[in-house]
Amino acid sequence: MSATMSPVGLAMPGRLLAAAALLAAWIGAAALVAAVVAPAAFSVLPTRALAGALVGRVLPVIFLTGLAVGLGAAVLGWHVAPAFARTRLVLPLLTALACGVAQFGIAPRIQRLRAEMGPSIEALPTTDPRRAQFGRLHGISVAFMGAGLLAAGAALVLTAVAATRER
């Protein structure tokens, strides 16, 4: 292991491993929500409104932690190892950006629309433009979460490779 210390007192491979651990934990949590929690909520709860309310309470935690993890991984990887240095900085920042846009740009618009539509979207006629707008915003939110996951996954791989090169 390299004895070179970083400004925060961790050896360089330690900082990279810490960044990789943060990224891996967030990827696991976000994937669990997307692949298990959300589908389960919609399949077992008695109404789609309840399922949406449950998932709507979980997603802010995922988005806010994604924002924090992306920033943290970028800071931990800053000026540590030359392997993929620029990309290892940009990818976690993209994760943070995607989560920030989803949480602070898209989610408030979805919340306002849900408040305007009432408790059940399904009660609205299929021709209601608010229903179509909700669908578009939901799709955009899912796309941002997916982009955050992809960026975090790529950052995790490159960070792990850089950490093994620094040993």
C-alpha atoms as a PDB file:
ATOM      1  CA  MET A   1       0.000   0.000   0.000  1.00  0.00           C
ATOM      2  CA  SER A   2       1.268   3.454  -0.829  1.00  0.00           C
ATOM      3  CA  ALA A   3       2.290   5.521   2.186  1.00  0.00           C
ATOM      4  CA  THR A   4       1.353   8.799   0.528  1.00  0.00           C
ATOM      5  CA  MET A   5      -1.191  10.582   2.698  1.00  0.00           C
ATOM      6  CA  SER A   6      -4.024  12.751   1.527  1.00  0.00           C
ATOM      7  CA  PRO A   7      -4.989  16.116   3.022  1.00  0.00           C
ATOM      8  CA  VAL A   8      -7.734  14.382   5.068  1.00  0.00           C
ATOM      9  CA  GLY A   9      -5.290  11.909   6.601  1.00  0.00           C
ATOM     10  CA  LEU A  10      -6.202   8.759   4.685  1.00  0.00           C
ATOM     11  CA  ALA A  11      -3.679   6.947   2.544  1.00  0.00           C
ATOM     12  CA  MET A  12      -4.521   7.397  -1.127  1.00  0.00           C
ATOM     13  CA  PRO A  13      -5.819   3.850  -1.649  1.00  0.00           C
ATOM     14  CA  GLY A  14      -7.908   4.302   1.505  1.00  0.00           C
ATOM     15  CA  ARG A  15      -9.599   7.358   0.052  1.00  0.00           C
ATOM     16  CA  LEU A  16     -10.346   5.500  -3.159  1.00  0.00           C
ATOM     17  CA  LEU A  17     -11.726   2.523  -1.259  1.00  0.00           C
ATOM     18  CA  ALA A  18     -13.882   4.859   0.851  1.00  0.00           C
ATOM     19  CA  ALA A  19     -15.227   6.454  -2.334  1.00  0.00           C
ATOM     20  CA  ALA A  20     -15.905   2.994  -3.795  1.00  0.00           C
ATOM     21  CA  ALA A  21     -17.729   1.938  -0.612  1.00  0.00           C
ATOM     22  CA  LEU A  22     -19.940   5.038  -0.707  1.00  0.00           C
ATOM     23  CA  LEU A  23     -20.782   4.481  -4.356  1.00  0.00           C
ATOM     24  CA  ALA A  24     -21.475   0.770  -3.854  1.00  0.00           C
ATOM     25  CA  ALA A  25     -23.753   1.417  -0.871  1.00  0.00           C
ATOM     26  CA  TRP A  26     -25.777   4.018  -2.755  1.00  0.00           C
ATOM     27  CA  ILE A  27     -26.032   1.882  -5.884  1.00  0.00           C
ATOM     28  CA  GLY A  28     -27.322  -0.985  -3.747  1.00  0.00           C
ATOM     29  CA  ALA A  29     -29.899   1.181  -2.002  1.00  0.00           C
ATOM     30  CA  ALA A  30     -31.114   2.842  -5.200  1.00  0.00           C
ATOM     31  CA  ALA A  31     -31.295  -0.464  -7.041  1.00  0.00           C
ATOM     32  CA  LEU A  32     -33.228  -2.038  -4.150  1.00  0.00           C
ATOM     33  CA  VAL A  33     -35.779   0.772  -4.248  1.00  0.00           C
ATOM     34  CA  ALA A  34     -36.122   0.666  -8.031  1.00  0.00           C
ATOM     35  CA  ALA A  35     -36.162  -3.115  -8.443  1.00  0.00           C
ATOM     36  CA  VAL A  36     -37.875  -4.290  -5.246  1.00  0.00           C
ATOM     37  CA  VAL A  37     -39.526  -1.630  -3.082  1.00  0.00           C
ATOM     38  CA  ALA A  38     -41.408   0.297  -5.776  1.00  0.00           C
ATOM     39  CA  PRO A  39     -42.723  -2.762  -7.650  1.00  0.00           C
ATOM     40  CA  ALA A  40     -43.667  -4.458  -4.355  1.00  0.00           C
ATOM     41  CA  ALA A  41     -45.532  -1.374  -3.137  1.00  0.00           C
ATOM     42  CA  PHE A  42     -47.576  -1.226  -6.323  1.00  0.00           C
ATOM     43  CA  SER A  43     -48.346  -4.942  -6.218  1.00  0.00           C
ATOM     44  CA  VAL A  44     -49.370  -5.364  -2.557  1.00  0.00           C
ATOM     45  CA  LEU A  45     -50.855  -2.079  -1.403  1.00  0.00           C
ATOM     46  CA  PRO A  46     -54.605  -1.728  -1.969  1.00  0.00           C
ATOM     47  CA  THR A  47     -54.396   1.398  -4.120  1.00  0.00           C
ATOM     48  CA  ARG A  48     -51.914   2.941  -6.499  1.00  0.00           C
ATOM     49  CA  ALA A  49     -52.271   6.188  -4.540  1.00  0.00           C
ATOM     50  CA  LEU A  50     -50.949   4.494  -1.378  1.00  0.00           C
ATOM     51  CA  ALA A  51     -48.124   2.843  -3.300  1.00  0.00           C
ATOM     52  CA  GLY A  52     -47.218   6.179  -4.873  1.00  0.00           C
ATOM     53  CA  ALA A  53     -47.270   7.842  -1.467  1.00  0.00           C
ATOM     54  CA  LEU A  54     -44.922   5.189  -0.061  1.00  0.00           C
ATOM     55  CA  VAL A  55     -42.471   5.387  -2.951  1.00  0.00           C
ATOM     56  CA  GLY A  56     -42.752   9.169  -2.851  1.00  0.00           C
ATOM     57  CA  ARG A  57     -41.489   9.087   0.743  1.00  0.00           C
ATOM     58  CA  VAL A  58     -38.560   6.792  -0.087  1.00  0.00           C
ATOM     59  CA  LEU A  59     -37.263   8.509  -3.229  1.00  0.00           C
ATOM     60  CA  PRO A  60     -36.164  11.757  -1.536  1.00  0.00           C
ATOM     61  CA  VAL A  61     -33.883   9.716   0.721  1.00  0.00           C
ATOM     62  CA  ILE A  62     -32.375   8.014  -2.332  1.00  0.00           C
ATOM     63  CA  PHE A  63     -31.964  11.269  -4.232  1.00  0.00           C
ATOM     64  CA  LEU A  64     -30.502  13.223  -1.302  1.00  0.00           C
ATOM     65  CA  THR A  65     -28.064  10.457  -0.409  1.00  0.00           C
ATOM     66  CA  GLY A  66     -27.132  10.154  -4.087  1.00  0.00           C
ATOM     67  CA  LEU A  67     -26.357  13.855  -4.091  1.00  0.00           C
ATOM     68  CA  ALA A  68     -24.224  13.508  -0.949  1.00  0.00           C
ATOM     69  CA  VAL A  69     -22.496  10.306  -2.110  1.00  0.00           C
ATOM     70  CA  GLY A  70     -21.683  11.775  -5.517  1.00  0.00           C
ATOM     71  CA  LEU A  71     -20.120  14.844  -3.933  1.00  0.00           C
ATOM     72  CA  GLY A  72     -18.348  12.754  -1.298  1.00  0.00           C
ATOM     73  CA  ALA A  73     -16.908  10.328  -3.842  1.00  0.00           C
ATOM     74  CA  ALA A  74     -15.680  13.248  -5.965  1.00  0.00           C
ATOM     75  CA  VAL A  75     -13.974  14.850  -2.959  1.00  0.00           C
ATOM     76  CA  LEU A  76     -12.422  11.550  -1.856  1.00  0.00           C
ATOM     77  CA  GLY A  77     -11.101  10.925  -5.364  1.00  0.00           C
ATOM     78  CA  TRP A  78      -9.826  14.460  -5.904  1.00  0.00           C
ATOM     79  CA  HIS A  79      -6.065  14.511  -6.628  1.00  0.00           C
ATOM     80  CA  VAL A  80      -5.576  10.984  -5.361  1.00  0.00           C
ATOM     81  CA  ALA A  81      -4.532   8.671  -8.142  1.00  0.00           C
ATOM     82  CA  PRO A  82      -3.765   9.498 -11.745  1.00  0.00           C
ATOM     83  CA  ALA A  83      -5.672   6.490 -13.150  1.00  0.00           C
ATOM     84  CA  PHE A  84      -8.846   7.858 -14.788  1.00  0.00           C
ATOM     85  CA  ALA A  85      -8.583  10.953 -12.548  1.00  0.00           C
ATOM     86  CA  ARG A  86     -10.777  13.320 -14.561  1.00  0.00           C
ATOM     87  CA  THR A  87     -13.410  10.682 -15.284  1.00  0.00           C
ATOM     88  CA  ARG A  88     -13.438   9.575 -11.631  1.00  0.00           C
ATOM     89  CA  LEU A  89     -14.209  13.170 -10.702  1.00  0.00           C
ATOM     90  CA  VAL A  90     -16.838  13.805 -13.373  1.00  0.00           C
ATOM     91  CA  LEU A  91     -18.865  10.597 -12.947  1.00  0.00           C
ATOM     92  CA  PRO A  92     -19.722  11.052  -9.246  1.00  0.00           C
ATOM     93  CA  LEU A  93     -20.515  14.693  -9.963  1.00  0.00           C
ATOM     94  CA  LEU A  94     -22.915  13.498 -12.669  1.00  0.00           C
ATOM     95  CA  THR A  95     -24.519  11.207 -10.089  1.00  0.00           C
ATOM     96  CA  ALA A  96     -24.917  14.164  -7.732  1.00  0.00           C
ATOM     97  CA  LEU A  97     -26.301  16.332 -10.532  1.00  0.00           C
ATOM     98  CA  ALA A  98     -28.815  13.705 -11.666  1.00  0.00           C
ATOM     99  CA  CYS A  99     -30.043  13.186  -8.102  1.00  0.00           C
ATOM    100  CA  GLY A 100     -30.178  16.921  -7.444  1.00  0.00           C
ATOM    101  CA  VAL A 101     -32.229  17.594 -10.584  1.00  0.00           C
ATOM    102  CA  ALA A 102     -34.598  14.731  -9.764  1.00  0.00           C
ATOM    103  CA  GLN A 103     -35.075  15.882  -6.161  1.00  0.00           C
ATOM    104  CA  PHE A 104     -35.127  19.635  -6.536  1.00  0.00           C
ATOM    105  CA  GLY A 105     -36.288  20.077 -10.134  1.00  0.00           C
ATOM    106  CA  ILE A 106     -38.655  17.229 -10.958  1.00  0.00           C
ATOM    107  CA  ALA A 107     -40.023  16.046  -7.586  1.00  0.00           C
ATOM    108  CA  PRO A 108     -41.547  19.419  -6.609  1.00  0.00           C
ATOM    109  CA  ARG A 109     -43.354  19.579  -9.958  1.00  0.00           C
ATOM    110  CA  ILE A 110     -44.711  16.056  -9.418  1.00  0.00           C
ATOM    111  CA  GLN A 111     -45.842  16.977  -5.885  1.00  0.00           C
ATOM    112  CA  ARG A 112     -47.643  20.111  -7.092  1.00  0.00           C
ATOM    113  CA  LEU A 113     -49.332  18.148  -9.847  1.00  0.00           C
ATOM    114  CA  ARG A 114     -50.400  15.366  -7.448  1.00  0.00           C
ATOM    115  CA  ALA A 115     -51.876  17.951  -5.048  1.00  0.00           C
ATOM    116  CA  GLU A 116     -53.791  19.499  -7.948  1.00  0.00           C
ATOM    117  CA  MET A 117     -55.083  16.144  -9.227  1.00  0.00           C
ATOM    118  CA  GLY A 118     -56.283  14.789  -5.894  1.00  0.00           C
ATOM    119  CA  PRO A 119     -55.652  11.457  -4.215  1.00  0.00           C
ATOM    120  CA  SER A 120     -56.156   9.225  -7.246  1.00  0.00           C
ATOM    121  CA  ILE A 121     -54.632   9.800 -10.648  1.00  0.00           C
ATOM    122  CA  GLU A 122     -56.693   6.882 -11.968  1.00  0.00           C
ATOM    123  CA  ALA A 123     -59.899   8.828 -11.161  1.00  0.00           C
ATOM    124  CA  LEU A 124     -58.975  11.366 -13.842  1.00  0.00           C
ATOM    125  CA  PRO A 125     -60.053  10.747 -17.418  1.00  0.00           C
ATOM    126  CA  THR A 126     -57.270   9.356 -19.567  1.00  0.00           C
ATOM    127  CA  THR A 127     -57.580  12.488 -21.718  1.00  0.00           C
ATOM    128  CA  ASP A 128     -56.776  14.820 -18.797  1.00  0.00           C
ATOM    129  CA  PRO A 129     -53.563  16.685 -19.695  1.00  0.00           C
ATOM    130  CA  ARG A 130     -52.430  16.559 -16.044  1.00  0.00           C
ATOM    131  CA  ARG A 131     -52.379  12.786 -16.210  1.00  0.00           C
ATOM    132  CA  ALA A 132     -50.166  12.911 -19.297  1.00  0.00           C
ATOM    133  CA  GLN A 133     -47.923  15.514 -17.663  1.00  0.00           C
ATOM    134  CA  PHE A 134     -47.596  13.318 -14.571  1.00  0.00           C
ATOM    135  CA  GLY A 135     -46.542  10.414 -16.775  1.00  0.00           C
ATOM    136  CA  ARG A 136     -43.913  12.549 -18.509  1.00  0.00           C
ATOM    137  CA  LEU A 137     -42.525  13.887 -15.229  1.00  0.00           C
ATOM    138  CA  HIS A 138     -42.459  10.396 -13.746  1.00  0.00           C
ATOM    139  CA  GLY A 139     -40.533   9.161 -16.786  1.00  0.00           C
ATOM    140  CA  ILE A 140     -38.069  12.032 -16.521  1.00  0.00           C
ATOM    141  CA  SER A 141     -37.539  11.291 -12.819  1.00  0.00           C
ATOM    142  CA  VAL A 142     -36.890   7.615 -13.584  1.00  0.00           C
ATOM    143  CA  ALA A 143     -34.452   8.633 -16.335  1.00  0.00           C
ATOM    144  CA  PHE A 144     -32.505  10.864 -13.952  1.00  0.00           C
ATOM    145  CA  MET A 145     -32.338   8.072 -11.378  1.00  0.00           C
ATOM    146  CA  GLY A 146     -31.121   5.712 -14.093  1.00  0.00           C
ATOM    147  CA  ALA A 147     -28.502   8.216 -15.239  1.00  0.00           C
ATOM    148  CA  GLY A 148     -27.327   8.619 -11.647  1.00  0.00           C
ATOM    149  CA  LEU A 149     -27.080   4.852 -11.254  1.00  0.00           C
ATOM    150  CA  LEU A 150     -25.139   4.458 -14.496  1.00  0.00           C
ATOM    151  CA  ALA A 151     -22.717   7.246 -13.603  1.00  0.00           C
ATOM    152  CA  ALA A 152     -22.244   5.849 -10.090  1.00  0.00           C
ATOM    153  CA  GLY A 153     -21.674   2.347 -11.468  1.00  0.00           C
ATOM    154  CA  ALA A 154     -19.043   3.555 -13.915  1.00  0.00           C
ATOM    155  CA  ALA A 155     -17.421   5.652 -11.179  1.00  0.00           C
ATOM    156  CA  LEU A 156     -17.372   2.619  -8.881  1.00  0.00           C
ATOM    157  CA  VAL A 157     -15.610   0.462 -11.463  1.00  0.00           C
ATOM    158  CA  LEU A 158     -13.004   3.115 -12.297  1.00  0.00           C
ATOM    159  CA  THR A 159     -12.437   3.924  -8.625  1.00  0.00           C
ATOM    160  CA  ALA A 160     -11.929   0.257  -7.753  1.00  0.00           C
ATOM    161  CA  VAL A 161      -9.472  -0.131 -10.638  1.00  0.00           C
ATOM    162  CA  ALA A 162      -7.576   2.998  -9.558  1.00  0.00           C
ATOM    163  CA  ALA A 163      -7.446   1.750  -5.945  1.00  0.00           C
ATOM    164  CA  THR A 164      -5.944  -1.570  -7.007  1.00  0.00           C
ATOM    165  CA  ARG A 165      -3.324   0.214  -9.116  1.00  0.00           C
ATOM    166  CA  GLU A 166      -2.285   2.323  -6.111  1.00  0.00           C
ATOM    167  CA  ARG A 167      -1.585  -0.675  -3.861  1.00  0.00           C
END
